[in-house]
Protein backbone atom coordinates (compact mmCIF):
# COMPACT_ATOMS: atom_id res chain seq x y z
CA MET A 1 93.54 139.39 188.72
CA ARG A 2 97.05 138.14 189.34
CA GLY A 3 95.63 134.86 190.66
CA LEU A 4 93.56 134.46 187.50
CA ARG A 5 96.45 135.40 185.26
CA GLU A 6 99.06 133.13 186.83
CA HIS A 7 97.03 130.30 188.36
CA GLN A 8 93.51 130.50 186.90
CA ASP A 9 92.26 130.97 190.46
CA PRO A 10 91.04 134.43 191.64
CA GLN A 11 91.51 133.45 195.31
CA TYR A 12 94.99 131.92 194.90
CA PHE A 13 96.82 134.70 196.74
CA LEU A 14 93.98 135.46 199.16
CA ARG A 15 93.34 131.96 200.42
CA PRO A 16 96.42 131.66 202.68
CA LEU A 17 95.62 134.99 204.34
CA ILE A 18 91.82 135.18 204.63
CA PHE A 19 90.02 132.11 205.85
CA THR A 20 86.28 132.71 205.72
CA GLY A 21 83.83 134.17 203.25
CA GLU A 22 82.57 136.64 205.85
CA THR A 23 86.09 137.94 206.52
CA LEU A 24 86.79 138.14 202.81
CA ARG A 25 83.68 140.25 202.19
CA SER A 26 84.48 142.53 205.11
CA TYR A 27 88.08 143.12 204.04
CA ASP A 28 87.04 143.53 200.43
CA GLY A 29 84.83 146.45 201.42
CA VAL A 30 87.59 148.10 203.45
CA LEU A 31 90.16 147.73 200.67
CA LYS A 32 87.82 149.07 198.00
CA ASP A 33 87.36 152.19 200.12
CA PHE A 34 91.10 152.38 200.67
CA VAL A 35 92.15 152.21 197.01
CA ALA A 36 89.47 154.77 196.13
CA PHE A 37 90.90 157.01 198.87
CA ALA A 38 94.46 156.52 197.60
CA GLU A 39 93.42 157.41 194.05
CA ARG A 40 91.36 160.43 195.11
CA GLU A 41 93.80 161.90 197.64
CA PHE A 42 97.18 160.91 196.16
CA GLY A 43 96.53 160.22 192.50
CA ILE A 44 97.50 156.53 192.85
CA THR A 45 96.65 154.55 189.73
CA ARG A 46 98.53 151.29 190.30
CA LEU A 47 98.56 149.02 193.33
CA GLU A 48 102.36 148.89 193.27
CA GLU A 49 102.48 152.65 193.93
CA ILE A 50 100.75 152.35 197.30
CA GLY A 51 102.99 152.68 200.34
CA LYS A 52 103.13 153.66 203.99
CA ARG A 53 102.04 157.22 203.24
CA GLU A 54 98.68 156.12 201.91
CA PHE A 55 98.21 153.49 204.64
CA ARG A 56 98.87 156.02 207.41
CA ALA A 57 96.69 158.71 205.84
CA PHE A 58 93.77 156.29 205.57
CA MET A 59 94.07 155.16 209.19
CA ASP A 60 94.61 158.69 210.51
CA ARG A 61 91.51 159.88 208.69
CA GLY A 62 89.45 157.18 210.40
CA ILE A 63 90.87 158.16 213.78
CA GLU A 64 90.12 161.84 213.14
CA GLN A 65 86.54 160.90 212.24
CA GLY A 66 86.22 159.20 215.63
CA LEU A 67 85.34 155.78 214.24
CA ALA A 68 84.86 152.97 216.75
CA ALA A 69 87.93 151.04 217.81
CA LYS A 70 86.45 147.82 216.42
CA THR A 71 86.15 149.40 212.96
CA LEU A 72 89.69 150.76 213.08
CA HIS A 73 91.08 147.40 214.13
CA ARG A 74 89.34 145.83 211.13
CA TRP A 75 90.85 148.49 208.88
CA ARG A 76 94.41 147.90 210.10
CA SER A 77 93.98 144.14 209.75
CA ALA A 78 92.71 144.49 206.18
CA LEU A 79 95.57 146.83 205.26
CA SER A 80 98.13 144.44 206.73
CA LYS A 81 96.72 141.67 204.52
CA LEU A 82 97.05 143.95 201.50
CA GLY A 83 100.66 144.68 202.44
CA ALA A 84 101.36 140.96 202.62
CA LEU A 85 99.77 140.41 199.21
CA MET A 86 102.10 143.10 197.85
CA GLY A 87 105.14 141.27 199.23
CA HIS A 88 105.74 143.53 202.26
CA THR A 89 104.67 141.19 205.04
CA ALA A 90 107.14 142.33 207.70
CA SER A 91 106.43 146.04 207.29
CA ALA A 92 102.69 145.37 207.06
CA VAL A 93 102.75 143.48 210.37
CA ALA A 94 104.76 146.27 212.00
CA PHE A 95 102.28 148.84 210.66
CA SER A 96 99.34 146.87 212.02
CA LYS A 97 100.91 146.46 215.47
CA ALA A 98 101.81 150.17 215.67
CA TYR A 99 98.26 151.26 214.89
CA GLY A 100 96.89 148.61 217.23
CA ARG A 101 98.84 150.21 220.08
CA LYS A 102 97.74 153.69 219.01
CA ILE A 103 94.07 152.70 218.90
CA ARG A 104 94.23 151.08 222.34
CA GLU A 105 95.93 154.16 223.79
CA LEU A 106 93.24 156.43 222.35
CA VAL A 107 90.53 154.19 223.79
CA SER A 108 92.21 154.24 227.21
CA VAL A 109 92.14 158.07 227.33
CA GLY A 110 88.60 158.31 225.99
CA ARG A 111 89.47 159.65 222.54
CA LEU A 112 87.85 156.69 220.79
CA ALA A 113 84.87 154.53 221.60
CA GLY A 114 85.96 151.08 222.67
CA PRO A 115 84.23 147.93 221.43
CA ALA A 116 81.09 146.76 223.14
CA ARG A 117 82.21 144.00 225.49
CA ALA A 118 78.99 143.15 227.24
CA THR A 119 79.18 139.96 229.26
CA PRO A 120 76.16 138.32 230.90
CA SER A 121 76.29 137.18 234.49
CA LEU A 122 76.57 133.45 235.09
CA GLU A 123 73.21 133.52 236.84
CA VAL A 124 71.47 135.07 233.82
CA ALA A 125 73.16 132.63 231.44
CA LYS A 126 72.09 129.61 233.50
CA GLN A 127 68.52 130.87 233.77
CA ALA A 128 68.37 131.46 230.01
CA ILE A 129 69.65 127.94 229.37
CA GLU A 130 66.93 126.52 231.62
CA ILE A 131 64.32 128.44 229.63
CA LEU A 132 65.77 127.03 226.40
CA ARG A 133 65.60 123.52 227.84
CA GLY A 134 61.90 123.97 228.56
CA TRP A 135 61.24 125.44 225.13
CA ASP A 136 63.09 122.57 223.45
CA ALA A 137 60.97 120.03 225.33
CA ARG A 138 57.72 121.80 224.41
CA HIS A 139 58.82 122.09 220.79
CA PHE A 140 59.36 118.32 220.64
CA ALA A 141 56.02 117.61 222.31
CA ARG A 142 54.23 119.91 219.88
CA THR A 143 55.97 118.98 216.60
CA ASP A 144 57.64 115.62 217.30
CA GLU A 145 60.86 117.21 215.97
CA PRO A 146 64.02 117.35 218.09
CA ARG A 147 65.68 120.60 219.10
CA ALA A 148 68.79 121.09 221.24
CA TYR A 149 69.24 124.83 221.70
CA HIS A 150 69.93 124.39 225.42
CA LEU A 151 72.73 121.92 224.67
CA ALA A 152 74.29 124.35 222.19
CA ALA A 153 74.26 127.08 224.84
CA ARG A 154 75.85 124.80 227.41
CA LEU A 155 78.48 123.80 224.86
CA GLN A 156 79.39 127.44 224.30
CA LEU A 157 79.52 128.06 228.03
CA GLU A 158 81.92 125.16 228.60
CA THR A 159 84.21 125.63 225.59
CA SER A 160 84.16 129.36 224.66
CA CYS A 161 83.38 128.34 221.06
CA ARG A 162 81.48 130.34 218.47
CA SER A 163 77.78 129.71 217.95
CA VAL A 164 78.38 128.06 214.58
CA SER A 165 80.84 125.64 216.19
CA ALA A 166 78.22 124.67 218.80
CA THR A 167 75.36 124.16 216.33
CA THR A 168 75.63 123.30 212.65
CA ARG A 169 79.16 121.90 212.95
CA VAL A 170 78.41 119.43 215.75
CA THR A 171 77.52 115.87 214.78
CA ALA A 172 77.78 112.45 216.40
CA GLU A 173 81.31 112.19 214.97
CA SER A 174 82.35 115.26 216.96
CA LEU A 175 82.28 113.37 220.26
CA LEU A 176 85.43 111.57 221.39
CA GLU A 177 86.33 109.26 224.24
CA GLY A 178 87.36 110.70 227.58
CA ASN A 179 84.60 113.34 227.69
CA GLN A 180 86.17 115.16 224.77
CA ILE A 181 84.64 116.86 221.75
CA ARG A 182 86.18 118.01 218.50
CA LEU A 183 84.88 121.40 217.37
CA VAL A 184 85.41 123.15 214.04
CA GLY A 185 86.09 126.86 214.39
CA LYS A 186 86.84 129.79 212.14
CA GLY A 187 88.63 128.91 208.92
CA GLY A 188 88.06 125.20 209.54
CA ARG A 189 90.43 125.14 212.51
CA VAL A 190 89.78 122.03 214.60
CA MET A 191 90.12 122.17 218.38
CA THR A 192 89.54 119.51 221.02
CA HIS A 193 87.91 120.39 224.33
CA THR A 194 87.19 118.39 227.47
CA LEU A 195 83.57 118.64 228.58
CA SER A 196 81.97 117.95 231.92
CA PRO A 197 80.93 114.29 232.10
CA LYS A 198 77.26 115.35 232.38
CA LEU A 199 77.25 117.45 229.20
CA HIS A 200 79.27 114.86 227.26
CA ARG A 201 76.80 112.15 228.29
CA GLN A 202 73.77 114.24 227.35
CA LEU A 203 75.25 115.15 223.97
CA SER A 204 76.10 111.50 223.37
CA LEU A 205 72.55 110.39 224.15
CA TYR A 206 71.03 113.09 221.95
CA LEU A 207 73.37 112.61 218.98
CA ARG A 208 73.01 108.85 219.15
CA VAL A 209 69.34 109.28 218.22
CA TYR A 210 69.69 112.49 216.17
CA PRO A 211 73.21 112.36 214.68
CA GLY A 212 73.31 116.03 213.78
CA PRO A 213 73.81 118.77 213.10
CA LEU A 214 73.08 119.61 216.72
CA ALA A 215 71.03 122.76 216.01
CA ASP A 216 70.27 125.49 213.50
CA GLN A 217 72.59 128.41 214.22
CA ARG A 218 70.19 131.26 213.43
CA GLY A 219 67.31 129.63 215.25
CA TYR A 220 69.51 129.07 218.29
CA GLN A 221 70.75 132.66 218.31
CA SER A 222 67.22 134.02 218.10
CA ALA A 223 65.88 131.71 220.81
CA TYR A 224 68.80 132.47 223.14
CA GLY A 225 68.18 136.21 222.80
CA ARG A 226 64.49 135.73 223.67
CA ALA A 227 65.42 133.57 226.66
CA VAL A 228 67.81 136.22 228.01
CA ARG A 229 65.14 138.88 227.66
CA GLY A 230 62.76 136.52 229.44
CA VAL A 231 64.93 136.68 232.58
CA ARG A 232 65.41 140.46 232.16
CA GLY A 233 68.98 140.09 230.97
CA ARG A 234 70.54 142.71 228.71
CA VAL A 235 73.29 140.79 226.87
CA THR A 236 71.20 138.90 224.32
CA GLY A 237 73.90 137.81 221.85
CA THR A 238 75.34 134.31 222.02
CA HIS A 239 78.82 135.85 221.80
CA GLY A 240 78.27 136.93 225.38
CA LEU A 241 78.39 133.26 226.38
CA ARG A 242 81.72 132.94 224.60
CA ARG A 243 83.09 135.92 226.52
CA LEU A 244 81.70 134.69 229.86
CA SER A 245 83.26 131.28 229.27
CA ALA A 246 86.66 132.75 228.35
CA GLN A 247 86.74 134.86 231.51
CA ALA A 248 85.83 131.89 233.70
CA PHE A 249 88.53 129.80 232.04
CA PHE A 250 91.10 132.56 232.59
CA ARG A 251 90.33 132.81 236.30
CA THR A 252 90.51 129.04 236.77
CA GLU A 253 93.75 128.74 234.85
CA TYR A 254 95.28 131.71 236.68
CA ALA A 255 94.48 130.15 240.06
CA ARG A 256 95.87 126.80 238.92
CA ARG A 257 99.15 128.35 237.85
CA LEU A 258 99.45 130.29 241.11
CA SER A 259 98.87 127.15 243.15
CA GLY A 260 101.59 125.46 241.10
CA GLY A 261 104.13 128.02 242.25
CA ALA A 262 104.12 130.49 239.36
CA ALA A 263 104.68 134.17 240.09
CA PRO A 264 101.51 136.32 239.68
CA ALA A 265 102.76 138.05 236.51
CA GLU A 266 103.82 134.75 234.96
CA ALA A 267 100.55 133.07 235.93
CA ARG A 268 98.53 135.95 234.51
CA GLN A 269 100.35 135.96 231.18
CA GLY A 270 100.16 132.19 230.78
CA ALA A 271 96.45 132.09 231.66
CA ARG A 272 95.74 134.98 229.31
CA GLU A 273 97.55 133.31 226.41
CA ASP A 274 95.82 129.99 227.06
CA ALA A 275 92.41 131.70 227.11
CA VAL A 276 93.06 133.49 223.82
CA GLU A 277 94.31 130.28 222.19
CA ARG A 278 91.20 128.48 223.44
CA LEU A 279 89.12 131.09 221.63
CA GLY A 280 90.79 130.02 218.39
CA HIS A 281 93.27 132.90 218.07
CA SER A 282 97.05 133.11 218.22
CA ARG A 283 98.39 133.20 221.78
CA ASN A 284 100.01 136.62 221.33
CA ARG A 285 96.80 138.40 220.26
CA THR A 286 96.68 141.08 222.94
CA ASP A 287 93.75 142.75 221.18
CA GLN A 288 91.66 139.60 221.58
CA ALA A 289 92.70 139.30 225.22
CA ALA A 290 91.49 142.87 225.80
CA CYS A 291 88.24 142.23 223.93
CA TYR A 292 87.27 138.98 225.65
CA LEU A 293 88.94 139.15 229.04
CA GLY A 294 88.91 142.90 229.69
CA SER A 295 89.88 143.89 233.20
CA ALA A 296 89.79 140.25 234.26
CA ALA A 297 93.23 139.79 232.69
C-alpha cells in the first residue's frame, strides 16, 4: 500500500528484497499468518506496532509445534524481510541470525527434523544421464523433434546450477569462448562457469542447430526422475544433481587449496565459501553450506 501511495508501484519496496515470484508468494503466505497471529495474540492493529516480542513469539510457537527446520528457516527469512521493510534492517538481520543458530542447534540434538538432504551417488547420476540420452535419441527418431534432457542433466552436474538455469534459460547466446557458459540463476543473477571441453562442444553443436531454449524444465524434471527410478535410485529430484555437484566441487577445491599450502581449516573455509557462492548464494551463508555440503564441509 505504501508503494502504491508513494510511487504508484505495489512492489516498489519489495523488489530490492525479494527477487522471484515464487519467493514472493512464499513469504507473502508466511507474513499473512504472522500478522494474523500478532493481531490475535497481542491485539496488534498497525504494522508499526509490531516488534521483537511478536517476532519471537511467532518463531517460538513454530519451534514448540516441532515444525521442520526448512519451514522455520523460511519463517525467519520472511520476518527479517519484513523488519527491513519497516526500517529495522540491522535488528532484523540479527534476529534472523540468532534464530538460525537456534534452529541448527535444535536439529543437532534431535529436537527438530532437519531438511531432507538426499544426494544421489555419482554412479546413479551417470546411469540416469545415459538413460536420458537414449530416450532423447528415441524421441527424435519417433517425432523428428529435438530434445536435450541428457545435456541439461550434465550441465547441472558440472555447474551446480538450478534446473531452470540448465533448461529454459540456456540458448546459443549462453555459450562463450574458452569452454565457458553464462547461466542465469535466481533473481536474474548471471554467473559464468567453465565446462569440460566435451560438454561445451556438444552444447555448441546442439545449439547451433537448435538455438534454444535447451529443454523444457518440467519435462526434464519428470524424465530425470523416471530415469533415476529406472536404475533403482532413490533421489529422483534434479536438485540432487545440484547437491552432488556442489559436494564434488568442494572436495576438489579443498584439495587444491591444501596442495597450495593452505592450512586445513583455511582450505576448508575457503572451499566451503566458494561452493556456496557457486550455488548462487552469498559466501557467508552457513545455512546453505549445511544444506548442500552437509558433513562434507
